[in-house]
Each structure stands twice: as C-alpha cells, then as structure tokens.
Amino acid sequence: MKKVLLLTAAVALAAPLMGCNSPGERAAGGAVIGGLGGAGIGALASGGSTGATLAGAAVGAASGAVVGAATAPPQRCAKWGYDYYGNRTCVAFYNY
C-alpha cells in the first residue's frame, strides 16, 4: 500500500512537467496520469481489491483524457504554405 501511495505521489508531482503538446498528446498524457492516479486511489480506498483498482484506473484514464484534450492551448500557425491542390495550409506551428 505504501508503494501505491508513493507511485501516486510521484506521478502527481511529475504532472506539471508535461509541457504544451498537441491535443492528442495531452489527451494521452492525461489518460496515463489519470489512470495511474485512479488506480492508486482505488487501491487505497479498497485495501488493494483488484476490481476497485481497475475501476479507479478506468475512470481516472477516461477523465484524464477528457481534461487533457480540453485544456490544450490552440495551436498558432508560424508559417503558411500550400498543399498539392493549392489549398492554403499551415506548415509550421509556434512551439511554446
């Protein structure tokens, strides 16, 4: 139980280090962090029951993915170009 708590604390402390990514990358990162946190909370709340741990991981991963994708900043175009069909498209994004 102490290992689960330590792992959950380590993941929670590493969360602010995730930098700005695309919405898909933020959703994936949020799912990982949410799944680990949910598994830790489920394990602590149930005393290590497998079902509650898996349920906590599933709920945490789903909510982490939604929150991660929703909080991604909009990408701003740094350079415009044209595709094969002559449509204007962004070829480079600001990296901040």
PDB file of N, CA and C in Angstrom:
ATOM      1  N   MET A   1       0.823  -1.185   0.000  1.00  0.00           N
ATOM      2  CA  MET A   1       0.000   0.000   0.000  1.00  0.00           C
ATOM      3  C   MET A   1       0.871   1.254   0.000  1.00  0.00           C
ATOM      4  N   LYS A   2       1.997   1.205   0.672  1.00  0.00           N
ATOM      5  CA  LYS A   2       2.888   2.359   0.682  1.00  0.00           C
ATOM      6  C   LYS A   2       3.486   2.588  -0.705  1.00  0.00           C
ATOM      7  N   LYS A   3       3.720   1.491  -1.441  1.00  0.00           N
ATOM      8  CA  LYS A   3       4.271   1.621  -2.791  1.00  0.00           C
ATOM      9  C   LYS A   3       3.279   2.317  -3.716  1.00  0.00           C
ATOM     10  N   VAL A   4       2.014   1.977  -3.582  1.00  0.00           N
ATOM     11  CA  VAL A   4       0.988   2.597  -4.423  1.00  0.00           C
ATOM     12  C   VAL A   4       0.886   4.086  -4.101  1.00  0.00           C
ATOM     13  N   LEU A   5       0.911   4.421  -2.841  1.00  0.00           N
ATOM     14  CA  LEU A   5       0.843   5.825  -2.442  1.00  0.00           C
ATOM     15  C   LEU A   5       2.065   6.591  -2.941  1.00  0.00           C
ATOM     16  N   LEU A   6       3.233   5.983  -2.858  1.00  0.00           N
ATOM     17  CA  LEU A   6       4.449   6.624  -3.332  1.00  0.00           C
ATOM     18  C   LEU A   6       4.404   6.827  -4.845  1.00  0.00           C
ATOM     19  N   LEU A   7       3.920   5.828  -5.570  1.00  0.00           N
ATOM     20  CA  LEU A   7       3.806   5.943  -7.021  1.00  0.00           C
ATOM     21  C   LEU A   7       2.812   7.028  -7.410  1.00  0.00           C
ATOM     22  N   THR A   8       1.694   7.082  -6.712  1.00  0.00           N
ATOM     23  CA  THR A   8       0.691   8.113  -6.989  1.00  0.00           C
ATOM     24  C   THR A   8       1.249   9.503  -6.716  1.00  0.00           C
ATOM     25  N   ALA A   9       1.979   9.666  -5.646  1.00  0.00           N
ATOM     26  CA  ALA A   9       2.577  10.966  -5.319  1.00  0.00           C
ATOM     27  C   ALA A   9       3.621  11.352  -6.367  1.00  0.00           C
ATOM     28  N   ALA A  10       4.406  10.397  -6.846  1.00  0.00           N
ATOM     29  CA  ALA A  10       5.421  10.691  -7.857  1.00  0.00           C
ATOM     30  C   ALA A  10       4.786  11.132  -9.165  1.00  0.00           C
ATOM     31  N   VAL A  11       3.705  10.472  -9.549  1.00  0.00           N
ATOM     32  CA  VAL A  11       3.011  10.858 -10.776  1.00  0.00           C
ATOM     33  C   VAL A  11       2.378  12.232 -10.621  1.00  0.00           C
ATOM     34  N   ALA A  12       1.787  12.498  -9.480  1.00  0.00           N
ATOM     35  CA  ALA A  12       1.151  13.793  -9.249  1.00  0.00           C
ATOM     36  C   ALA A  12       2.180  14.925  -9.260  1.00  0.00           C
ATOM     37  N   LEU A  13       3.364  14.671  -8.771  1.00  0.00           N
ATOM     38  CA  LEU A  13       4.399  15.700  -8.772  1.00  0.00           C
ATOM     39  C   LEU A  13       5.005  15.893 -10.157  1.00  0.00           C
ATOM     40  N   ALA A  14       4.965  14.858 -10.996  1.00  0.00           N
ATOM     41  CA  ALA A  14       5.514  14.965 -12.351  1.00  0.00           C
ATOM     42  C   ALA A  14       4.532  15.598 -13.323  1.00  0.00           C
ATOM     43  N   ALA A  15       3.268  15.699 -12.971  1.00  0.00           N
ATOM     44  CA  ALA A  15       2.240  16.215 -13.877  1.00  0.00           C
ATOM     45  C   ALA A  15       2.533  17.628 -14.390  1.00  0.00           C
ATOM     46  N   PRO A  16       2.988  18.567 -13.568  1.00  0.00           N
ATOM     47  CA  PRO A  16       3.233  19.912 -14.101  1.00  0.00           C
ATOM     48  C   PRO A  16       4.397  19.981 -15.094  1.00  0.00           C
ATOM     49  N   LEU A  17       5.180  18.940 -15.193  1.00  0.00           N
ATOM     50  CA  LEU A  17       6.327  18.948 -16.091  1.00  0.00           C
ATOM     51  C   LEU A  17       5.955  18.552 -17.507  1.00  0.00           C
ATOM     52  N   MET A  18       4.679  18.330 -17.766  1.00  0.00           N
ATOM     53  CA  MET A  18       4.241  17.835 -19.064  1.00  0.00           C
ATOM     54  C   MET A  18       4.276  18.908 -20.134  1.00  0.00           C
ATOM     55  N   GLY A  19       4.706  19.972 -20.217  1.00  0.00           N
ATOM     56  CA  GLY A  19       4.753  20.934 -21.274  1.00  0.00           C
ATOM     57  C   GLY A  19       3.543  20.997 -22.209  1.00  0.00           C
ATOM     58  N   CYS A  20       3.591  21.889 -23.138  1.00  0.00           N
ATOM     59  CA  CYS A  20       2.493  22.074 -24.090  1.00  0.00           C
ATOM     60  C   CYS A  20       2.660  21.135 -25.265  1.00  0.00           C
ATOM     61  N   ASN A  21       1.652  20.365 -25.537  1.00  0.00           N
ATOM     62  CA  ASN A  21       1.663  19.423 -26.638  1.00  0.00           C
ATOM     63  C   ASN A  21       0.400  19.605 -27.450  1.00  0.00           C
ATOM     64  N   SER A  22       0.256  18.773 -28.474  1.00  0.00           N
ATOM     65  CA  SER A  22      -0.969  18.801 -29.261  1.00  0.00           C
ATOM     66  C   SER A  22      -2.115  18.245 -28.416  1.00  0.00           C
ATOM     67  N   PRO A  23      -3.359  18.493 -28.817  1.00  0.00           N
ATOM     68  CA  PRO A  23      -4.476  17.955 -28.036  1.00  0.00           C
ATOM     69  C   PRO A  23      -4.443  16.437 -27.899  1.00  0.00           C
ATOM     70  N   GLY A  24      -4.003  15.732 -28.932  1.00  0.00           N
ATOM     71  CA  GLY A  24      -3.908  14.272 -28.848  1.00  0.00           C
ATOM     72  C   GLY A  24      -2.861  13.810 -27.857  1.00  0.00           C
ATOM     73  N   GLU A  25      -1.722  14.471 -27.870  1.00  0.00           N
ATOM     74  CA  GLU A  25      -0.664  14.125 -26.923  1.00  0.00           C
ATOM     75  C   GLU A  25      -1.079  14.470 -25.498  1.00  0.00           C
ATOM     76  N   ARG A  26      -1.769  15.593 -25.338  1.00  0.00           N
ATOM     77  CA  ARG A  26      -2.232  15.956 -23.997  1.00  0.00           C
ATOM     78  C   ARG A  26      -3.290  14.994 -23.501  1.00  0.00           C
ATOM     79  N   ALA A  27      -4.145  14.504 -24.407  1.00  0.00           N
ATOM     80  CA  ALA A  27      -5.154  13.522 -24.013  1.00  0.00           C
ATOM     81  C   ALA A  27      -4.492  12.221 -23.589  1.00  0.00           C
ATOM     82  N   ALA A  28      -3.480  11.783 -24.331  1.00  0.00           N
ATOM     83  CA  ALA A  28      -2.779  10.550 -23.974  1.00  0.00           C
ATOM     84  C   ALA A  28      -2.046  10.700 -22.643  1.00  0.00           C
ATOM     85  N   GLY A  29      -1.376  11.825 -22.456  1.00  0.00           N
ATOM     86  CA  GLY A  29      -0.695  12.062 -21.189  1.00  0.00           C
ATOM     87  C   GLY A  29      -1.664  12.166 -20.028  1.00  0.00           C
ATOM     88  N   GLY A  30      -2.784  12.839 -20.258  1.00  0.00           N
ATOM     89  CA  GLY A  30      -3.801  12.932 -19.212  1.00  0.00           C
ATOM     90  C   GLY A  30      -4.395  11.583 -18.873  1.00  0.00           C
ATOM     91  N   ALA A  31      -4.548  10.715 -19.887  1.00  0.00           N
ATOM     92  CA  ALA A  31      -5.068   9.370 -19.635  1.00  0.00           C
ATOM     93  C   ALA A  31      -4.100   8.552 -18.798  1.00  0.00           C
ATOM     94  N   VAL A  32      -2.816   8.680 -19.079  1.00  0.00           N
ATOM     95  CA  VAL A  32      -1.817   7.936 -18.295  1.00  0.00           C
ATOM     96  C   VAL A  32      -1.797   8.424 -16.854  1.00  0.00           C
ATOM     97  N   ILE A  33      -1.728   9.724 -16.691  1.00  0.00           N
ATOM     98  CA  ILE A  33      -1.678  10.271 -15.333  1.00  0.00           C
ATOM     99  C   ILE A  33      -2.971   9.978 -14.582  1.00  0.00           C
ATOM    100  N   GLY A  34      -4.105  10.161 -15.251  1.00  0.00           N
ATOM    101  CA  GLY A  34      -5.384   9.872 -14.611  1.00  0.00           C
ATOM    102  C   GLY A  34      -5.552   8.401 -14.278  1.00  0.00           C
ATOM    103  N   GLY A  35      -5.096   7.523 -15.164  1.00  0.00           N
ATOM    104  CA  GLY A  35      -5.181   6.089 -14.900  1.00  0.00           C
ATOM    105  C   GLY A  35      -4.335   5.658 -13.721  1.00  0.00           C
ATOM    106  N   LEU A  36      -3.120   6.186 -13.654  1.00  0.00           N
ATOM    107  CA  LEU A  36      -2.260   5.849 -12.512  1.00  0.00           C
ATOM    108  C   LEU A  36      -2.811   6.416 -11.208  1.00  0.00           C
ATOM    109  N   GLY A  37      -3.281   7.636 -11.266  1.00  0.00           N
ATOM    110  CA  GLY A  37      -3.860   8.233 -10.061  1.00  0.00           C
ATOM    111  C   GLY A  37      -5.128   7.527  -9.626  1.00  0.00           C
ATOM    112  N   GLY A  38      -5.978   7.185 -10.598  1.00  0.00           N
ATOM    113  CA  GLY A  38      -7.211   6.465 -10.284  1.00  0.00           C
ATOM    114  C   GLY A  38      -6.947   5.083  -9.726  1.00  0.00           C
ATOM    115  N   ALA A  39      -5.936   4.406 -10.272  1.00  0.00           N
ATOM    116  CA  ALA A  39      -5.577   3.085  -9.747  1.00  0.00           C
ATOM    117  C   ALA A  39      -5.058   3.196  -8.319  1.00  0.00           C
ATOM    118  N   GLY A  40      -4.259   4.225  -8.078  1.00  0.00           N
ATOM    119  CA  GLY A  40      -3.748   4.422  -6.722  1.00  0.00           C
ATOM    120  C   GLY A  40      -4.843   4.726  -5.724  1.00  0.00           C
ATOM    121  N   ILE A  41      -5.757   5.590  -6.108  1.00  0.00           N
ATOM    122  CA  ILE A  41      -6.859   5.936  -5.212  1.00  0.00           C
ATOM    123  C   ILE A  41      -7.780   4.737  -5.009  1.00  0.00           C
ATOM    124  N   GLY A  42      -8.053   3.997  -6.099  1.00  0.00           N
ATOM    125  CA  GLY A  42      -8.901   2.806  -5.979  1.00  0.00           C
ATOM    126  C   GLY A  42      -8.289   1.754  -5.087  1.00  0.00           C
ATOM    127  N   ALA A  43      -6.971   1.585  -5.202  1.00  0.00           N
ATOM    128  CA  ALA A  43      -6.291   0.602  -4.359  1.00  0.00           C
ATOM    129  C   ALA A  43      -6.289   1.029  -2.893  1.00  0.00           C
ATOM    130  N   LEU A  44      -6.061   2.304  -2.659  1.00  0.00           N
ATOM    131  CA  LEU A  44      -6.049   2.790  -1.281  1.00  0.00           C
ATOM    132  C   LEU A  44      -7.438   2.738  -0.652  1.00  0.00           C
ATOM    133  N   ALA A  45      -8.447   3.085  -1.428  1.00  0.00           N
ATOM    134  CA  ALA A  45      -9.799   3.125  -0.877  1.00  0.00           C
ATOM    135  C   ALA A  45     -10.357   1.739  -0.598  1.00  0.00           C
ATOM    136  N   SER A  46      -9.932   0.735  -1.381  1.00  0.00           N
ATOM    137  CA  SER A  46     -10.497  -0.607  -1.222  1.00  0.00           C
ATOM    138  C   SER A  46      -9.583  -1.563  -0.473  1.00  0.00           C
ATOM    139  N   GLY A  47      -8.426  -1.124  -0.094  1.00  0.00           N
ATOM    140  CA  GLY A  47      -7.492  -2.010   0.595  1.00  0.00           C
ATOM    141  C   GLY A  47      -6.789  -2.965  -0.348  1.00  0.00           C
ATOM    142  N   GLY A  48      -6.698  -2.645  -1.623  1.00  0.00           N
ATOM    143  CA  GLY A  48      -5.975  -3.463  -2.583  1.00  0.00           C
ATOM    144  C   GLY A  48      -6.847  -4.387  -3.412  1.00  0.00           C
ATOM    145  N   SER A  49      -8.136  -4.204  -3.398  1.00  0.00           N
ATOM    146  CA  SER A  49      -9.044  -5.023  -4.195  1.00  0.00           C
ATOM    147  C   SER A  49      -8.787  -4.792  -5.682  1.00  0.00           C
ATOM    148  N   THR A  50      -8.684  -5.878  -6.442  1.00  0.00           N
ATOM    149  CA  THR A  50      -8.371  -5.767  -7.865  1.00  0.00           C
ATOM    150  C   THR A  50      -9.470  -5.053  -8.633  1.00  0.00           C
ATOM    151  N   GLY A  51     -10.710  -5.375  -8.354  1.00  0.00           N
ATOM    152  CA  GLY A  51     -11.821  -4.760  -9.069  1.00  0.00           C
ATOM    153  C   GLY A  51     -11.882  -3.260  -8.867  1.00  0.00           C
ATOM    154  N   ALA A  52     -11.729  -2.826  -7.641  1.00  0.00           N
ATOM    155  CA  ALA A  52     -11.781  -1.394  -7.364  1.00  0.00           C
ATOM    156  C   ALA A  52     -10.572  -0.671  -7.952  1.00  0.00           C
ATOM    157  N   THR A  53      -9.429  -1.330  -7.964  1.00  0.00           N
ATOM    158  CA  THR A  53      -8.240  -0.725  -8.559  1.00  0.00           C
ATOM    159  C   THR A  53      -8.419  -0.529 -10.056  1.00  0.00           C
ATOM    160  N   LEU A  54      -8.955  -1.554 -10.730  1.00  0.00           N
ATOM    161  CA  LEU A  54      -9.181  -1.446 -12.173  1.00  0.00           C
ATOM    162  C   LEU A  54     -10.282  -0.433 -12.494  1.00  0.00           C
ATOM    163  N   ALA A  55     -11.309  -0.390 -11.670  1.00  0.00           N
ATOM    164  CA  ALA A  55     -12.369   0.588 -11.888  1.00  0.00           C
ATOM    165  C   ALA A  55     -11.832   2.008 -11.708  1.00  0.00           C
ATOM    166  N   GLY A  56     -11.023   2.211 -10.690  1.00  0.00           N
ATOM    167  CA  GLY A  56     -10.420   3.523 -10.479  1.00  0.00           C
ATOM    168  C   GLY A  56      -9.501   3.917 -11.622  1.00  0.00           C
ATOM    169  N   ALA A  57      -8.757   2.936 -12.151  1.00  0.00           N
ATOM    170  CA  ALA A  57      -7.875   3.214 -13.285  1.00  0.00           C
ATOM    171  C   ALA A  57      -8.682   3.594 -14.519  1.00  0.00           C
ATOM    172  N   ALA A  58      -9.788   2.907 -14.758  1.00  0.00           N
ATOM    173  CA  ALA A  58     -10.613   3.201 -15.935  1.00  0.00           C
ATOM    174  C   ALA A  58     -11.249   4.580 -15.837  1.00  0.00           C
ATOM    175  N   VAL A  59     -11.805   4.890 -14.692  1.00  0.00           N
ATOM    176  CA  VAL A  59     -12.438   6.202 -14.513  1.00  0.00           C
ATOM    177  C   VAL A  59     -11.388   7.308 -14.582  1.00  0.00           C
ATOM    178  N   GLY A  60     -10.246   7.084 -13.962  1.00  0.00           N
ATOM    179  CA  GLY A  60      -9.178   8.085 -13.987  1.00  0.00           C
ATOM    180  C   GLY A  60      -8.626   8.308 -15.381  1.00  0.00           C
ATOM    181  N   ALA A  61      -8.460   7.227 -16.145  1.00  0.00           N
ATOM    182  CA  ALA A  61      -7.935   7.372 -17.505  1.00  0.00           C
ATOM    183  C   ALA A  61      -8.912   8.109 -18.402  1.00  0.00           C
ATOM    184  N   ALA A  62     -10.184   7.786 -18.284  1.00  0.00           N
ATOM    185  CA  ALA A  62     -11.183   8.455 -19.118  1.00  0.00           C
ATOM    186  C   ALA A  62     -11.278   9.936 -18.779  1.00  0.00           C
ATOM    187  N   SER A  63     -11.351  10.252 -17.503  1.00  0.00           N
ATOM    188  CA  SER A  63     -11.458  11.660 -17.126  1.00  0.00           C
ATOM    189  C   SER A  63     -10.158  12.405 -17.418  1.00  0.00           C
ATOM    190  N   GLY A  64      -9.019  11.757 -17.256  1.00  0.00           N
ATOM    191  CA  GLY A  64      -7.740  12.398 -17.574  1.00  0.00           C
ATOM    192  C   GLY A  64      -7.604  12.709 -19.050  1.00  0.00           C
ATOM    193  N   ALA A  65      -8.094  11.809 -19.906  1.00  0.00           N
ATOM    194  CA  ALA A  65      -8.039  12.055 -21.346  1.00  0.00           C
ATOM    195  C   ALA A  65      -8.929  13.220 -21.743  1.00  0.00           C
ATOM    196  N   VAL A  66     -10.113  13.284 -21.167  1.00  0.00           N
ATOM    197  CA  VAL A  66     -11.036  14.374 -21.493  1.00  0.00           C
ATOM    198  C   VAL A  66     -10.464  15.713 -21.033  1.00  0.00           C
ATOM    199  N   VAL A  67      -9.973  15.754 -19.810  1.00  0.00           N
ATOM    200  CA  VAL A  67      -9.423  17.005 -19.281  1.00  0.00           C
ATOM    201  C   VAL A  67      -8.154  17.400 -20.033  1.00  0.00           C
ATOM    202  N   GLY A  68      -7.310  16.418 -20.358  1.00  0.00           N
ATOM    203  CA  GLY A  68      -6.081  16.721 -21.089  1.00  0.00           C
ATOM    204  C   GLY A  68      -6.351  17.307 -22.459  1.00  0.00           C
ATOM    205  N   ALA A  69      -7.311  16.743 -23.180  1.00  0.00           N
ATOM    206  CA  ALA A  69      -7.631  17.262 -24.511  1.00  0.00           C
ATOM    207  C   ALA A  69      -8.326  18.619 -24.431  1.00  0.00           C
ATOM    208  N   ALA A  70      -9.149  18.805 -23.421  1.00  0.00           N
ATOM    209  CA  ALA A  70      -9.900  20.057 -23.307  1.00  0.00           C
ATOM    210  C   ALA A  70      -9.022  21.235 -22.894  1.00  0.00           C
ATOM    211  N   THR A  71      -7.927  20.977 -22.212  1.00  0.00           N
ATOM    212  CA  THR A  71      -7.091  22.069 -21.722  1.00  0.00           C
ATOM    213  C   THR A  71      -5.911  22.374 -22.632  1.00  0.00           C
ATOM    214  N   ALA A  72      -5.840  21.740 -23.786  1.00  0.00           N
ATOM    215  CA  ALA A  72      -4.734  22.012 -24.710  1.00  0.00           C
ATOM    216  C   ALA A  72      -4.910  23.406 -25.306  1.00  0.00           C
ATOM    217  N   PRO A  73      -3.850  24.191 -25.326  1.00  0.00           N
ATOM    218  CA  PRO A  73      -3.976  25.525 -25.926  1.00  0.00           C
ATOM    219  C   PRO A  73      -4.113  25.398 -27.441  1.00  0.00           C
ATOM    220  N   PRO A  74      -4.783  26.335 -28.066  1.00  0.00           N
ATOM    221  CA  PRO A  74      -4.900  26.271 -29.523  1.00  0.00           C
ATOM    222  C   PRO A  74      -3.540  26.472 -30.179  1.00  0.00           C
ATOM    223  N   GLN A  75      -3.302  25.732 -31.233  1.00  0.00           N
ATOM    224  CA  GLN A  75      -2.032  25.871 -31.930  1.00  0.00           C
ATOM    225  C   GLN A  75      -2.095  27.061 -32.876  1.00  0.00           C
ATOM    226  N   ARG A  76      -1.032  27.842 -32.885  1.00  0.00           N
ATOM    227  CA  ARG A  76      -0.963  29.009 -33.753  1.00  0.00           C
ATOM    228  C   ARG A  76       0.015  28.728 -34.872  1.00  0.00           C
ATOM    229  N   CYS A  77      -0.356  29.131 -36.045  1.00  0.00           N
ATOM    230  CA  CYS A  77       0.457  28.863 -37.226  1.00  0.00           C
ATOM    231  C   CYS A  77       1.633  29.833 -37.297  1.00  0.00           C
ATOM    232  N   ALA A  78       2.825  29.297 -37.537  1.00  0.00           N
ATOM    233  CA  ALA A  78       4.016  30.121 -37.672  1.00  0.00           C
ATOM    234  C   ALA A  78       4.356  30.371 -39.139  1.00  0.00           C
ATOM    235  N   LYS A  79       3.962  29.443 -40.009  1.00  0.00           N
ATOM    236  CA  LYS A  79       4.292  29.585 -41.425  1.00  0.00           C
ATOM    237  C   LYS A  79       3.187  28.957 -42.263  1.00  0.00           C
ATOM    238  N   TRP A  80       2.697  29.698 -43.222  1.00  0.00           N
ATOM    239  CA  TRP A  80       1.648  29.210 -44.108  1.00  0.00           C
ATOM    240  C   TRP A  80       2.268  28.730 -45.408  1.00  0.00           C
ATOM    241  N   GLY A  81       1.649  27.742 -45.998  1.00  0.00           N
ATOM    242  CA  GLY A  81       2.088  27.218 -47.293  1.00  0.00           C
ATOM    243  C   GLY A  81       0.881  26.697 -48.049  1.00  0.00           C
ATOM    244  N   TYR A  82       1.132  25.989 -49.126  1.00  0.00           N
ATOM    245  CA  TYR A  82       0.061  25.465 -49.961  1.00  0.00           C
ATOM    246  C   TYR A  82       0.262  23.972 -50.175  1.00  0.00           C
ATOM    247  N   ASP A  83      -0.836  23.235 -50.172  1.00  0.00           N
ATOM    248  CA  ASP A  83      -0.742  21.798 -50.405  1.00  0.00           C
ATOM    249  C   ASP A  83      -0.774  21.506 -51.905  1.00  0.00           C
ATOM    250  N   TYR A  84      -0.832  20.239 -52.249  1.00  0.00           N
ATOM    251  CA  TYR A  84      -0.791  19.796 -53.627  1.00  0.00           C
ATOM    252  C   TYR A  84      -1.925  20.370 -54.468  1.00  0.00           C
ATOM    253  N   TYR A  85      -3.069  20.602 -53.843  1.00  0.00           N
ATOM    254  CA  TYR A  85      -4.243  21.090 -54.557  1.00  0.00           C
ATOM    255  C   TYR A  85      -4.365  22.610 -54.546  1.00  0.00           C
ATOM    256  N   GLY A  86      -3.416  23.300 -53.986  1.00  0.00           N
ATOM    257  CA  GLY A  86      -3.445  24.750 -53.947  1.00  0.00           C
ATOM    258  C   GLY A  86      -4.182  25.334 -52.753  1.00  0.00           C
ATOM    259  N   ASN A  87      -4.552  24.491 -51.814  1.00  0.00           N
ATOM    260  CA  ASN A  87      -5.227  24.977 -50.607  1.00  0.00           C
ATOM    261  C   ASN A  87      -4.204  25.518 -49.622  1.00  0.00           C
ATOM    262  N   ARG A  88      -4.536  26.648 -49.008  1.00  0.00           N
ATOM    263  CA  ARG A  88      -3.640  27.229 -48.013  1.00  0.00           C
ATOM    264  C   ARG A  88      -3.680  26.385 -46.751  1.00  0.00           C
ATOM    265  N   THR A  89      -2.523  26.030 -46.239  1.00  0.00           N
ATOM    266  CA  THR A  89      -2.439  25.198 -45.042  1.00  0.00           C
ATOM    267  C   THR A  89      -1.237  25.614 -44.200  1.00  0.00           C
ATOM    268  N   CYS A  90      -1.299  25.305 -42.942  1.00  0.00           N
ATOM    269  CA  CYS A  90      -0.208  25.637 -42.027  1.00  0.00           C
ATOM    270  C   CYS A  90       0.886  24.581 -42.145  1.00  0.00           C
ATOM    271  N   VAL A  91       2.118  25.002 -42.324  1.00  0.00           N
ATOM    272  CA  VAL A  91       3.228  24.062 -42.447  1.00  0.00           C
ATOM    273  C   VAL A  91       4.143  24.068 -41.223  1.00  0.00           C
ATOM    274  N   ALA A  92       3.991  25.035 -40.341  1.00  0.00           N
ATOM    275  CA  ALA A  92       4.800  25.085 -39.117  1.00  0.00           C
ATOM    276  C   ALA A  92       4.003  25.797 -38.025  1.00  0.00           C
ATOM    277  N   PHE A  93       4.113  25.276 -36.814  1.00  0.00           N
ATOM    278  CA  PHE A  93       3.407  25.845 -35.674  1.00  0.00           C
ATOM    279  C   PHE A  93       4.399  26.466 -34.705  1.00  0.00           C
ATOM    280  N   TYR A  94       3.922  27.469 -33.956  1.00  0.00           N
ATOM    281  CA  TYR A  94       4.749  28.027 -32.895  1.00  0.00           C
ATOM    282  C   TYR A  94       4.923  26.965 -31.826  1.00  0.00           C
ATOM    283  N   ASN A  95       6.095  26.885 -31.273  1.00  0.00           N
ATOM    284  CA  ASN A  95       6.408  25.860 -30.282  1.00  0.00           C
ATOM    285  C   ASN A  95       6.609  26.541 -28.928  1.00  0.00           C
ATOM    286  N   TYR A  96       5.525  26.693 -28.176  1.00  0.00           N
ATOM    287  CA  TYR A  96       5.604  27.356 -26.868  1.00  0.00           C
ATOM    288  C   TYR A  96       4.842  26.633 -25.843  1.00  0.00           C
TER     289      TYR A  96
END
